[in-house]
């Protein structure tokens, strides 16, 4: 039973900390936590990733809870119309601490890559980022195209009403 619980906890932490990179590999566009390129998941043994996460799980859970708590307090104070200066600072600190921990964890996992694997991962990241930039430009152009059409439709509707 402990083994099942431990495995479940490890997978849950992986989802919180490292999964955004996998999601982007599958076409999702999350931006938080993409420190490890998706190709690395094919290069690093599952057991090694699990071991790194399990070694840091208490700290990761605490950092995740600190972020959640800070976000909730900020939301409550915003809704109540209170001063949010301290809340913003607390959330920034929580985000900073989580990012530092994610970087540390990614370095631990990436440290086992050979020079050839690092080179391959670097090429992948360069091409991946270029593809994302191109897709962003295409989306922007598409929105501009339809935004212009929507604007001229509104102008035409206003002149027809008059």
Foldseek 3Di string as FASTA:
>chain_A
DVVVVLVVLLVVLCVVAPCVQVVVVVPDDDDPRNPAHPVVVVVFDPVQLSVLCSVCVVVSVVLVVQLVVLVVVLVVCVVVVHDCPVSVVSNVVSSVVSVVVSVVSVCSRCVPDDPVRVVVRVVVVVVVVVVVVVVVVVVVVVCVVVVVVVVVVVVVVVVVVD
